[in-house]
């Protein structure tokens, strides 16, 4: 994978994440980086005043900095902005931040030197991944605090992950025979100005969300089989006259999952006219969430291939001070995607409830020995708690703004919070789906010997490798966690 010139997709970033050695610069990228670096040097030599190159930052934009002080200016910028708090983000999130930051700098509009960019790539190759706290960005001057922590190791400061534990960057660099770097003009600002913290949450969230969208469709088909519902609401003709892409995709997937189901054919002409909404409206509800996924994916890939620092250096004669660092362009769709993910959990919990009711041949609480045994009563409480927690996480962070930098930065996006909440909701969704899958597998026991569609049968068989049929009460919390782990490891075939 080549940085800078090439256009990267979400899939490309995931590929680099899995194979960091594939990240390389080509000659064209190197030329653009060197040209941009030279433009900054000429600006400094000309003594023309340009924000962030020979001035202070934020409300200190009107303070002129001498040529001799430019290196100290960049060093001070990094150390003064590394004020993040909270637990560290995952190592993978830090790694994706690095990938995205390298790609943005490699476009050749930031004035960051080839030496600095190559050091970041070398750190990626050597698995020297900085420790970044999760809180502290308002998502508008770029993700200043998280990015400052990300690049502290360039200066021999901060922390790097060492066998799963944060360790002093200085000792890790020494172990790898790497010396701290001295930053030149504009480099500190180019490194910490940008939206890579927000973007990393969007990228990893999108990768996770895509699998969960597919799994939720399969889970719904599984529950429909256990409930012995109707497949008529997934007919192609119905969705052609309300042709939303998401709902048409889901309907087609449901038809595939339910094709050749002996179980559904066994009650094809029963007297039930229609199913409750959580069974019948799967294409419309899941489809709306798919539409939100596609919207965020398109915008995240635009951001991935954008230059998001300030100022932008076009030539030795022209630089533009603008607002490409502002996170609003991702904050809004991240909030939208958060709602969409939460809704998948909301409707999943309703399907779980239907399987507990004791209707249409299923015993109450999915146990034939209720009373002495509680059966599957309580896991639905867990799902209900997670669904409500997701609802509380749906307050849009992008709806808020608190001025910073003495009012110079008077509107901020809070997109970093949007990204974090999106991933929290996805984590809860994994556990909600684990409950539904556990219920559906138990429900299917009461439909035997009739067989289901092939993909549903594979999901059932996978669950039964870890979770046997419930005959009497046991530690079903462990069963639920086992299925949740299968989800996180993407063990279910969802196509």
Protein backbone atom coordinates (compact mmCIF):
# COMPACT_ATOMS: atom_id res chain seq x y z
CA UNK A 1 0.00 0.00 0.00
CA UNK A 2 1.48 3.36 -0.99
CA UNK A 3 0.86 6.48 1.05
CA UNK A 4 0.20 9.98 -0.13
CA UNK A 5 -0.58 9.67 -3.81
CA UNK A 6 -2.90 6.69 -3.69
CA UNK A 7 -6.47 7.00 -2.48
CA UNK A 8 -7.03 4.79 0.52
CA UNK A 9 -10.28 3.05 1.43
CA UNK A 10 -11.45 1.77 4.82
CA UNK A 11 -10.51 -1.72 3.61
CA UNK A 12 -6.98 -0.49 2.76
CA UNK A 13 -6.51 0.86 6.28
CA UNK A 14 -7.66 -2.45 7.79
CA UNK A 15 -5.20 -4.24 5.48
CA UNK A 16 -2.34 -2.01 6.70
CA UNK A 17 -3.49 -2.56 10.28
CA UNK A 18 -3.13 -6.31 9.74
CA UNK A 19 0.13 -5.98 7.78
CA UNK A 20 1.98 -2.78 8.77
CA UNK A 21 4.97 -3.69 6.59
CA UNK A 22 2.79 -3.02 3.54
CA UNK A 23 2.83 0.73 4.27
CA UNK A 24 5.41 2.44 2.07
CA UNK A 25 6.10 5.80 0.44
CA UNK A 26 6.60 5.96 -3.30
CA UNK A 27 8.89 8.38 -5.15
CA UNK A 28 6.08 10.73 -6.12
CA UNK A 29 5.05 11.09 -2.46
CA UNK A 30 8.63 11.74 -1.40
CA UNK A 31 8.94 14.51 -3.99
CA UNK A 32 5.77 16.22 -2.77
CA UNK A 33 6.89 15.98 0.86
CA UNK A 34 10.33 17.43 0.09
CA UNK A 35 8.79 20.21 -1.97
CA UNK A 36 6.40 21.13 0.85
CA UNK A 37 9.24 21.09 3.38
CA UNK A 38 11.27 23.38 1.13
CA UNK A 39 8.31 25.78 0.79
CA UNK A 40 8.20 26.17 4.57
CA UNK A 41 11.93 26.84 4.74
CA UNK A 42 11.57 29.58 2.14
CA UNK A 43 8.70 31.14 4.09
CA UNK A 44 10.86 31.22 7.24
CA UNK A 45 13.80 32.71 5.34
CA UNK A 46 11.58 35.38 3.76
CA UNK A 47 10.40 36.56 7.20
CA UNK A 48 6.84 36.76 5.83
CA UNK A 49 4.41 36.26 8.69
CA UNK A 50 2.52 32.95 8.37
CA UNK A 51 0.40 31.49 11.16
CA UNK A 52 1.99 28.57 12.98
CA UNK A 53 5.30 28.86 11.13
CA UNK A 54 6.63 32.02 12.70
CA UNK A 55 3.77 33.03 15.00
CA UNK A 56 2.28 31.75 18.22
CA UNK A 57 -0.80 29.53 18.21
CA UNK A 58 -4.51 30.05 18.82
CA UNK A 59 -5.07 33.42 20.58
CA UNK A 60 -1.29 33.98 20.41
CA UNK A 61 -1.39 34.22 16.63
CA UNK A 62 -0.29 37.86 16.86
CA UNK A 63 3.03 37.03 18.56
CA UNK A 64 5.91 36.92 16.07
CA UNK A 65 8.51 34.16 16.51
CA UNK A 66 12.09 34.59 15.31
CA UNK A 67 13.75 32.11 12.93
CA UNK A 68 16.04 30.99 15.75
CA UNK A 69 13.04 30.13 17.95
CA UNK A 70 11.03 28.05 15.44
CA UNK A 71 12.35 24.67 16.64
CA UNK A 72 11.60 25.54 20.27
CA UNK A 73 8.15 26.75 19.21
CA UNK A 74 7.28 23.34 17.71
CA UNK A 75 8.67 21.42 20.70
CA UNK A 76 6.70 23.60 23.12
CA UNK A 77 3.57 23.08 21.08
CA UNK A 78 3.72 19.30 21.40
CA UNK A 79 4.51 19.15 25.11
CA UNK A 80 1.97 21.84 26.08
CA UNK A 81 -0.84 20.15 24.15
CA UNK A 82 -0.31 16.63 25.52
CA UNK A 83 -2.98 17.04 28.21
CA UNK A 84 -5.26 14.08 27.50
CA UNK A 85 -6.89 12.21 30.36
CA UNK A 86 -8.75 8.93 30.89
CA UNK A 87 -7.79 5.38 30.08
CA UNK A 88 -5.73 4.73 26.92
CA UNK A 89 -7.51 4.00 23.67
CA UNK A 90 -6.84 0.57 22.20
CA UNK A 91 -3.53 -0.08 20.52
CA UNK A 92 -5.37 -0.66 17.24
CA UNK A 93 -7.01 2.76 17.47
CA UNK A 94 -3.59 4.37 18.04
CA UNK A 95 -2.23 2.41 15.10
CA UNK A 96 -5.04 3.59 12.82
CA UNK A 97 -4.41 7.17 13.98
CA UNK A 98 -0.80 6.76 12.84
CA UNK A 99 -1.84 5.30 9.49
CA UNK A 100 -4.27 8.14 8.85
CA UNK A 101 -1.85 10.85 10.00
CA UNK A 102 0.98 9.52 7.81
CA UNK A 103 -1.35 9.44 4.81
CA UNK A 104 -2.53 13.03 5.37
CA UNK A 105 1.02 14.37 5.81
CA UNK A 106 2.18 12.47 2.74
CA UNK A 107 -0.11 14.51 0.51
CA UNK A 108 2.55 17.25 0.61
CA UNK A 109 0.59 20.27 1.88
CA UNK A 110 1.65 20.26 5.53
CA UNK A 111 5.35 21.14 5.45
CA UNK A 112 6.32 18.17 7.59
CA UNK A 113 9.72 16.75 6.69
CA UNK A 114 10.44 13.43 5.03
CA UNK A 115 12.52 12.48 8.10
CA UNK A 116 9.55 12.83 10.45
CA UNK A 117 7.14 10.97 8.17
CA UNK A 118 9.62 8.14 7.61
CA UNK A 119 10.11 7.87 11.39
CA UNK A 120 6.36 7.44 11.84
CA UNK A 121 6.35 4.71 9.19
CA UNK A 122 9.34 3.04 10.85
CA UNK A 123 7.54 3.08 14.20
CA UNK A 124 4.53 1.50 12.51
CA UNK A 125 6.72 -1.24 11.01
CA UNK A 126 8.45 -1.89 14.36
CA UNK A 127 5.14 -1.97 16.24
CA UNK A 128 6.18 1.04 18.34
CA UNK A 129 2.66 2.31 18.93
CA UNK A 130 2.17 5.36 21.18
CA UNK A 131 -0.18 5.33 24.17
CA UNK A 132 -3.00 7.84 23.68
CA UNK A 133 -5.55 8.85 26.37
CA UNK A 134 -9.19 8.72 25.28
CA UNK A 135 -10.37 12.12 26.56
CA UNK A 136 -9.39 15.72 25.96
CA UNK A 137 -10.24 16.56 22.35
CA UNK A 138 -13.01 18.99 21.39
CA UNK A 139 -12.60 17.97 17.77
CA UNK A 140 -12.12 21.33 16.14
CA UNK A 141 -8.54 22.59 16.20
CA UNK A 142 -7.95 19.11 15.16
CA UNK A 143 -7.70 16.41 17.81
CA UNK A 144 -4.96 18.36 19.53
CA UNK A 145 -4.45 16.48 22.79
CA UNK A 146 -4.70 12.92 21.40
CA UNK A 147 -2.43 13.74 18.47
CA UNK A 148 0.10 15.41 20.77
CA UNK A 149 0.28 12.18 22.78
CA UNK A 150 0.57 10.22 19.52
CA UNK A 151 3.67 12.15 18.44
CA UNK A 152 5.39 12.65 21.83
CA UNK A 153 7.60 9.60 21.17
CA UNK A 154 9.13 11.41 18.19
CA UNK A 155 10.67 13.70 20.81
CA UNK A 156 11.62 10.81 23.10
CA UNK A 157 8.71 11.62 25.41
CA UNK A 158 5.40 10.01 26.29
CA UNK A 159 4.68 6.29 26.30
CA UNK A 160 4.70 3.36 23.86
CA UNK A 161 2.90 0.03 24.20
CA UNK A 162 5.31 -2.70 25.30
CA UNK A 163 3.76 -6.19 25.46
CA UNK A 164 0.41 -4.71 26.37
CA UNK A 165 1.77 -2.32 29.00
CA UNK A 166 2.54 1.41 28.66
CA UNK A 167 6.28 2.03 28.89
CA UNK A 168 8.47 5.14 28.70
CA UNK A 169 9.07 6.03 25.05
CA UNK A 170 12.70 7.00 25.72
CA UNK A 171 13.65 3.47 26.82
CA UNK A 172 11.73 1.81 23.98
CA UNK A 173 13.39 4.06 21.39
CA UNK A 174 16.82 3.34 22.89
CA UNK A 175 16.14 -0.40 22.73
CA UNK A 176 15.42 0.02 18.99
CA UNK A 177 18.44 2.31 18.35
CA UNK A 178 16.27 5.31 17.53
CA UNK A 179 17.21 8.85 18.54
CA UNK A 180 14.62 11.53 19.36
CA UNK A 181 14.00 13.99 16.54
CA UNK A 182 14.23 17.77 16.49
CA UNK A 183 11.22 19.31 14.78
CA UNK A 184 11.58 22.04 12.18
CA UNK A 185 9.25 24.94 11.34
CA UNK A 186 5.54 24.03 11.05
CA UNK A 187 6.18 20.36 11.89
CA UNK A 188 4.67 20.30 15.37
CA UNK A 189 1.54 22.05 14.12
CA UNK A 190 1.27 19.71 11.13
CA UNK A 191 1.53 16.71 13.44
CA UNK A 192 -1.15 17.66 15.97
CA UNK A 193 -3.56 19.61 13.77
CA UNK A 194 -5.99 17.17 12.15
CA UNK A 195 -8.95 14.87 12.72
CA UNK A 196 -7.16 11.53 12.97
CA UNK A 197 -8.52 10.65 16.45
CA UNK A 198 -12.10 11.11 15.23
CA UNK A 199 -11.28 9.37 11.96
CA UNK A 200 -9.68 6.34 13.64
CA UNK A 201 -12.83 5.79 15.69
CA UNK A 202 -14.90 6.08 12.52
CA UNK A 203 -12.71 3.63 10.59
CA UNK A 204 -12.57 0.89 13.22
CA UNK A 205 -16.21 1.49 14.08
CA UNK A 206 -17.23 1.12 10.44
CA UNK A 207 -15.31 -2.12 10.09
CA UNK A 208 -17.04 -3.44 13.20
CA UNK A 209 -20.44 -2.03 12.23
CA UNK A 210 -20.41 -3.74 8.82
CA UNK A 211 -20.01 -7.17 10.42
CA UNK A 212 -22.69 -6.43 13.01
CA UNK A 213 -25.13 -5.27 10.32
CA UNK A 214 -24.64 -8.57 8.51
CA UNK A 215 -24.86 -10.56 11.73
CA UNK A 216 -28.03 -8.76 12.81
CA UNK A 217 -29.74 -9.85 9.59
CA UNK A 218 -28.70 -13.44 10.22
CA UNK A 219 -29.80 -13.20 13.86
CA UNK A 220 -33.21 -11.93 12.78
CA UNK A 221 -33.57 -14.86 10.37
CA UNK A 222 -32.54 -17.23 13.18
CA UNK A 223 -35.19 -15.75 15.49
CA UNK A 224 -37.82 -15.87 12.77
CA UNK A 225 -37.10 -19.58 12.34
CA UNK A 226 -37.42 -20.15 16.10
CA UNK A 227 -40.64 -18.08 16.19
CA UNK A 228 -41.95 -19.75 13.06
CA UNK A 229 -42.78 -16.42 11.56
CA UNK A 230 -43.58 -15.56 7.97
CA UNK A 231 -41.11 -14.86 5.19
CA UNK A 232 -43.67 -13.01 3.07
CA UNK A 233 -42.60 -9.57 4.30
CA UNK A 234 -39.23 -10.06 2.59
CA UNK A 235 -40.61 -10.58 -0.90
CA UNK A 236 -38.83 -8.66 -3.62
CA UNK A 237 -42.03 -7.13 -5.01
CA UNK A 238 -42.80 -5.42 -1.70
CA UNK A 239 -39.45 -3.66 -1.57
CA UNK A 240 -39.42 -2.66 -5.22
CA UNK A 241 -42.27 -0.24 -4.54
CA UNK A 242 -40.35 1.42 -1.68
CA UNK A 243 -36.88 1.08 -3.13
CA UNK A 244 -34.50 2.16 -0.38
CA UNK A 245 -31.13 0.53 -0.97
CA UNK A 246 -30.70 -0.60 2.61
CA UNK A 247 -34.09 -2.28 2.94
CA UNK A 248 -33.76 -3.97 -0.46
CA UNK A 249 -30.37 -5.36 0.59
CA UNK A 250 -31.72 -6.69 3.88
CA UNK A 251 -34.81 -8.21 2.26
CA UNK A 252 -32.64 -10.05 -0.26
CA UNK A 253 -30.42 -11.35 2.53
CA UNK A 254 -33.42 -12.55 4.52
CA UNK A 255 -34.76 -14.39 1.48
CA UNK A 256 -31.40 -16.10 1.10
CA UNK A 257 -31.18 -17.06 4.78
CA UNK A 258 -34.71 -18.48 4.82
CA UNK A 259 -34.60 -20.24 1.44
CA UNK A 260 -35.34 -23.98 1.54
CA UNK A 261 -36.38 -23.87 5.19
CA UNK A 262 -38.39 -26.96 6.06
CA UNK A 263 -39.26 -25.29 9.35
CA UNK A 264 -41.01 -22.30 7.75
CA UNK A 265 -42.73 -24.42 5.09
CA UNK A 266 -44.23 -26.57 7.82
CA UNK A 267 -46.60 -23.77 8.83
CA UNK A 268 -46.90 -21.97 5.50
CA UNK A 269 -50.70 -22.03 5.53
CA UNK A 270 -51.36 -21.42 9.24
CA UNK A 271 -53.94 -18.87 10.38
CA UNK A 272 -51.46 -16.24 11.61
CA UNK A 273 -52.00 -13.21 9.39
CA UNK A 274 -48.84 -11.27 10.21
CA UNK A 275 -45.96 -11.08 12.67
CA UNK A 276 -45.08 -8.32 15.15
CA UNK A 277 -43.01 -5.47 13.77
CA UNK A 278 -39.67 -6.70 15.12
CA UNK A 279 -40.03 -9.77 12.86
CA UNK A 280 -41.96 -8.23 9.98
CA UNK A 281 -40.13 -4.89 9.61
CA UNK A 282 -36.57 -6.22 9.66
CA UNK A 283 -35.77 -4.86 6.15
CA UNK A 284 -37.07 -1.39 6.96
CA UNK A 285 -35.32 -1.08 10.35
CA UNK A 286 -32.07 -2.88 9.55
CA UNK A 287 -32.10 -1.21 6.15
CA UNK A 288 -32.23 2.26 7.67
CA UNK A 289 -29.16 1.39 9.73
CA UNK A 290 -27.39 0.18 6.59
CA UNK A 291 -28.13 3.52 4.92
CA UNK A 292 -26.50 5.29 7.88
CA UNK A 293 -23.47 2.99 7.59
CA UNK A 294 -23.03 3.84 3.92
CA UNK A 295 -23.33 7.56 4.63
CA UNK A 296 -20.61 7.47 7.29
CA UNK A 297 -18.40 5.22 5.16
CA UNK A 298 -18.51 7.63 2.21
CA UNK A 299 -17.66 10.63 4.37
CA UNK A 300 -14.97 8.82 6.36
CA UNK A 301 -13.19 7.78 3.16
CA UNK A 302 -13.33 11.39 1.97
CA UNK A 303 -11.76 12.48 5.26
CA UNK A 304 -9.16 9.72 5.08
CA UNK A 305 -7.88 11.15 1.80
CA UNK A 306 -8.03 14.78 2.91
CA UNK A 307 -5.52 17.24 4.34
CA UNK A 308 -6.89 18.37 7.69
CA UNK A 309 -4.23 20.56 9.28
CA UNK A 310 -3.73 24.34 9.19
CA UNK A 311 -2.31 26.32 7.52
CA UNK A 312 -2.12 24.56 4.18
CA UNK A 313 1.11 25.30 2.34
CA UNK A 314 0.51 25.48 -1.41
CA UNK A 315 3.85 27.04 -2.36
CA UNK A 316 6.61 29.24 -0.98
CA UNK A 317 4.44 32.22 -1.87
CA UNK A 318 1.00 30.96 -0.85
CA UNK A 319 -0.35 29.40 2.31
CA UNK A 320 -3.98 29.36 3.41
CA UNK A 321 -5.18 29.60 6.99
CA UNK A 322 -8.55 27.87 7.05
CA UNK A 323 -10.63 25.35 8.95
CA UNK A 324 -9.94 21.93 7.47
CA UNK A 325 -9.24 20.67 11.00
CA UNK A 326 -12.86 21.14 12.08
CA UNK A 327 -14.45 17.80 12.95
CA UNK A 328 -18.08 18.68 12.22
CA UNK A 329 -18.00 16.84 8.89
CA UNK A 330 -17.50 13.56 10.75
CA UNK A 331 -19.17 14.43 14.05
CA UNK A 332 -22.67 14.62 12.57
CA UNK A 333 -22.55 11.34 10.60
CA UNK A 334 -20.90 9.59 13.57
CA UNK A 335 -23.83 10.61 15.75
CA UNK A 336 -26.22 9.41 13.04
CA UNK A 337 -24.41 6.06 12.85
CA UNK A 338 -24.60 5.79 16.64
CA UNK A 339 -28.41 6.07 16.47
CA UNK A 340 -28.43 3.47 13.70
CA UNK A 341 -26.35 0.98 15.69
CA UNK A 342 -28.48 1.52 18.80
CA UNK A 343 -31.64 0.76 16.83
CA UNK A 344 -30.28 -2.64 15.84
CA UNK A 345 -30.01 -3.47 19.52
CA UNK A 346 -33.45 -2.05 20.22
CA UNK A 347 -35.22 -4.28 17.71
CA UNK A 348 -33.06 -7.29 18.64
CA UNK A 349 -34.24 -7.08 22.24
CA UNK A 350 -37.87 -7.06 21.06
CA UNK A 351 -37.30 -10.25 19.09
CA UNK A 352 -35.72 -11.84 22.16
CA UNK A 353 -38.80 -10.91 24.16
CA UNK A 354 -41.11 -12.53 21.60
CA UNK A 355 -39.21 -15.80 21.94
CA UNK A 356 -39.84 -15.78 25.70
CA UNK A 357 -43.60 -15.23 25.57
CA UNK A 358 -44.55 -18.87 25.24
CA UNK A 359 -46.53 -18.60 22.01
CA UNK A 360 -46.79 -20.69 18.85
CA UNK A 361 -45.29 -23.86 20.28
CA UNK A 362 -42.49 -22.33 22.34
CA UNK A 363 -42.57 -22.80 26.12
CA UNK A 364 -42.56 -19.74 28.36
CA UNK A 365 -39.01 -18.51 29.03
CA UNK A 366 -37.86 -21.23 26.62
CA UNK A 367 -37.85 -23.89 29.33
CA UNK A 368 -40.17 -26.84 29.81
CA UNK A 369 -39.54 -26.93 33.56
CA UNK A 370 -40.38 -23.37 34.54
CA UNK A 371 -40.96 -22.56 38.19
CA UNK A 372 -38.17 -24.52 39.73
CA UNK A 373 -36.08 -23.20 36.83
CA UNK A 374 -36.02 -19.57 35.64
CA UNK A 375 -34.88 -20.61 32.19
CA UNK A 376 -33.96 -17.67 29.99
CA UNK A 377 -35.81 -15.03 31.99
CA UNK A 378 -32.87 -12.94 33.11
CA UNK A 379 -30.58 -12.49 30.07
CA UNK A 380 -33.33 -10.28 28.61
CA UNK A 381 -32.82 -8.00 31.63
CA UNK A 382 -29.19 -7.64 30.59
CA UNK A 383 -30.20 -6.86 27.02
CA UNK A 384 -32.77 -4.34 28.23
CA UNK A 385 -30.13 -2.59 30.36
CA UNK A 386 -27.74 -2.42 27.40
CA UNK A 387 -30.47 -1.13 25.08
CA UNK A 388 -31.27 1.68 27.53
CA UNK A 389 -27.58 2.45 28.01
CA UNK A 390 -27.30 2.79 24.24
CA UNK A 391 -30.24 5.17 24.22
CA UNK A 392 -28.49 7.39 26.75
CA UNK A 393 -25.39 7.32 24.52
CA UNK A 394 -27.48 8.58 21.62
CA UNK A 395 -27.45 12.18 22.81
CA UNK A 396 -25.56 13.79 19.91
CA UNK A 397 -22.20 15.15 21.03
CA UNK A 398 -22.20 17.30 17.89
CA UNK A 399 -25.19 19.23 19.29
CA UNK A 400 -22.89 20.85 21.84
CA UNK A 401 -20.10 23.40 21.53
CA UNK A 402 -17.99 25.11 24.20
CA UNK A 403 -15.67 27.92 23.03
CA UNK A 404 -11.93 27.35 23.61
CA UNK A 405 -8.68 29.22 23.09
CA UNK A 406 -9.97 32.48 24.63
CA UNK A 407 -12.80 32.53 22.10
CA UNK A 408 -10.59 32.25 19.03
CA UNK A 409 -11.94 28.75 18.57
CA UNK A 410 -15.54 29.69 19.30
CA UNK A 411 -17.31 26.72 17.70
CA UNK A 412 -16.08 23.16 18.16
CA UNK A 413 -17.49 19.82 16.96
CA UNK A 414 -17.00 17.47 19.92
CA UNK A 415 -16.58 14.81 17.22
CA UNK A 416 -14.09 12.88 19.34
CA UNK A 417 -16.91 12.15 21.79
CA UNK A 418 -19.17 11.15 18.87
CA UNK A 419 -16.56 8.63 17.76
CA UNK A 420 -16.08 7.18 21.22
CA UNK A 421 -19.83 6.82 21.83
CA UNK A 422 -20.28 5.13 18.45
CA UNK A 423 -17.84 2.40 19.47
CA UNK A 424 -19.38 2.06 22.94
CA UNK A 425 -22.77 1.41 21.36
CA UNK A 426 -21.27 -1.18 19.02
CA UNK A 427 -19.75 -2.99 22.01
CA UNK A 428 -23.13 -3.10 23.72
CA UNK A 429 -24.76 -4.29 20.50
CA UNK A 430 -22.45 -7.33 20.41
CA UNK A 431 -23.75 -8.42 23.81
CA UNK A 432 -27.39 -7.73 22.91
CA UNK A 433 -27.07 -9.92 19.81
CA UNK A 434 -25.44 -12.65 21.93
CA UNK A 435 -28.65 -12.81 24.00
CA UNK A 436 -30.85 -13.06 20.91
CA UNK A 437 -28.67 -15.77 19.35
CA UNK A 438 -28.74 -17.77 22.59
CA UNK A 439 -32.54 -17.53 22.68
CA UNK A 440 -32.95 -18.40 19.00
CA UNK A 441 -30.77 -21.50 19.36
CA UNK A 442 -32.86 -22.68 22.30
CA UNK A 443 -36.08 -21.92 20.43
CA UNK A 444 -34.95 -24.00 17.50
CA UNK A 445 -34.78 -27.05 19.76
CA UNK A 446 -38.59 -27.03 19.89
CA UNK A 447 -38.89 -27.00 16.07
CA UNK A 448 -36.94 -30.17 15.43
CA UNK A 449 -36.70 -32.34 13.43
CA UNK A 450 -37.56 -29.66 10.81
CA UNK A 451 -34.43 -28.11 9.29
CA UNK A 452 -33.81 -24.40 8.70
CA UNK A 453 -31.98 -22.55 5.97
CA UNK A 454 -28.33 -23.53 5.54
CA UNK A 455 -26.77 -20.37 7.02
CA UNK A 456 -29.03 -20.50 10.08
CA UNK A 457 -28.14 -24.17 10.58
CA UNK A 458 -24.43 -23.25 10.50
CA UNK A 459 -24.98 -20.56 13.13
CA UNK A 460 -26.91 -23.02 15.29
CA UNK A 461 -24.14 -25.63 14.97
CA UNK A 462 -21.48 -23.03 15.91
CA UNK A 463 -23.37 -22.01 19.03
CA UNK A 464 -23.79 -25.64 20.06
CA UNK A 465 -20.00 -26.12 20.02
CA UNK A 466 -19.88 -23.96 23.15
CA UNK A 467 -23.45 -23.76 24.45
CA UNK A 468 -25.58 -26.91 24.86
CA UNK A 469 -29.36 -26.93 24.99
CA UNK A 470 -30.69 -25.71 28.34
CA UNK A 471 -32.47 -28.50 30.20
CA UNK A 472 -32.36 -26.95 33.68
CA UNK A 473 -30.83 -23.83 35.20
CA UNK A 474 -27.07 -23.41 34.97
CA UNK A 475 -24.61 -20.51 34.65
CA UNK A 476 -26.13 -19.22 31.41
CA UNK A 477 -24.21 -15.99 31.88
CA UNK A 478 -21.16 -17.96 30.77
CA UNK A 479 -23.09 -19.18 27.70
CA UNK A 480 -23.98 -15.61 26.81
CA UNK A 481 -20.37 -14.48 27.14
CA UNK A 482 -19.19 -17.40 25.00
CA UNK A 483 -21.51 -16.34 22.18
CA UNK A 484 -20.45 -12.69 22.58
CA UNK A 485 -16.82 -13.80 22.18
CA UNK A 486 -17.76 -15.64 18.97
CA UNK A 487 -19.26 -12.37 17.72
CA UNK A 488 -16.16 -10.36 18.58
CA UNK A 489 -13.98 -12.94 16.85
CA UNK A 490 -16.34 -12.92 13.84
CA UNK A 491 -16.88 -16.65 13.92
CA UNK A 492 -20.39 -16.51 12.45
CA UNK A 493 -20.72 -16.90 8.69
CA UNK A 494 -22.96 -13.97 7.77
CA UNK A 495 -23.27 -14.25 3.98
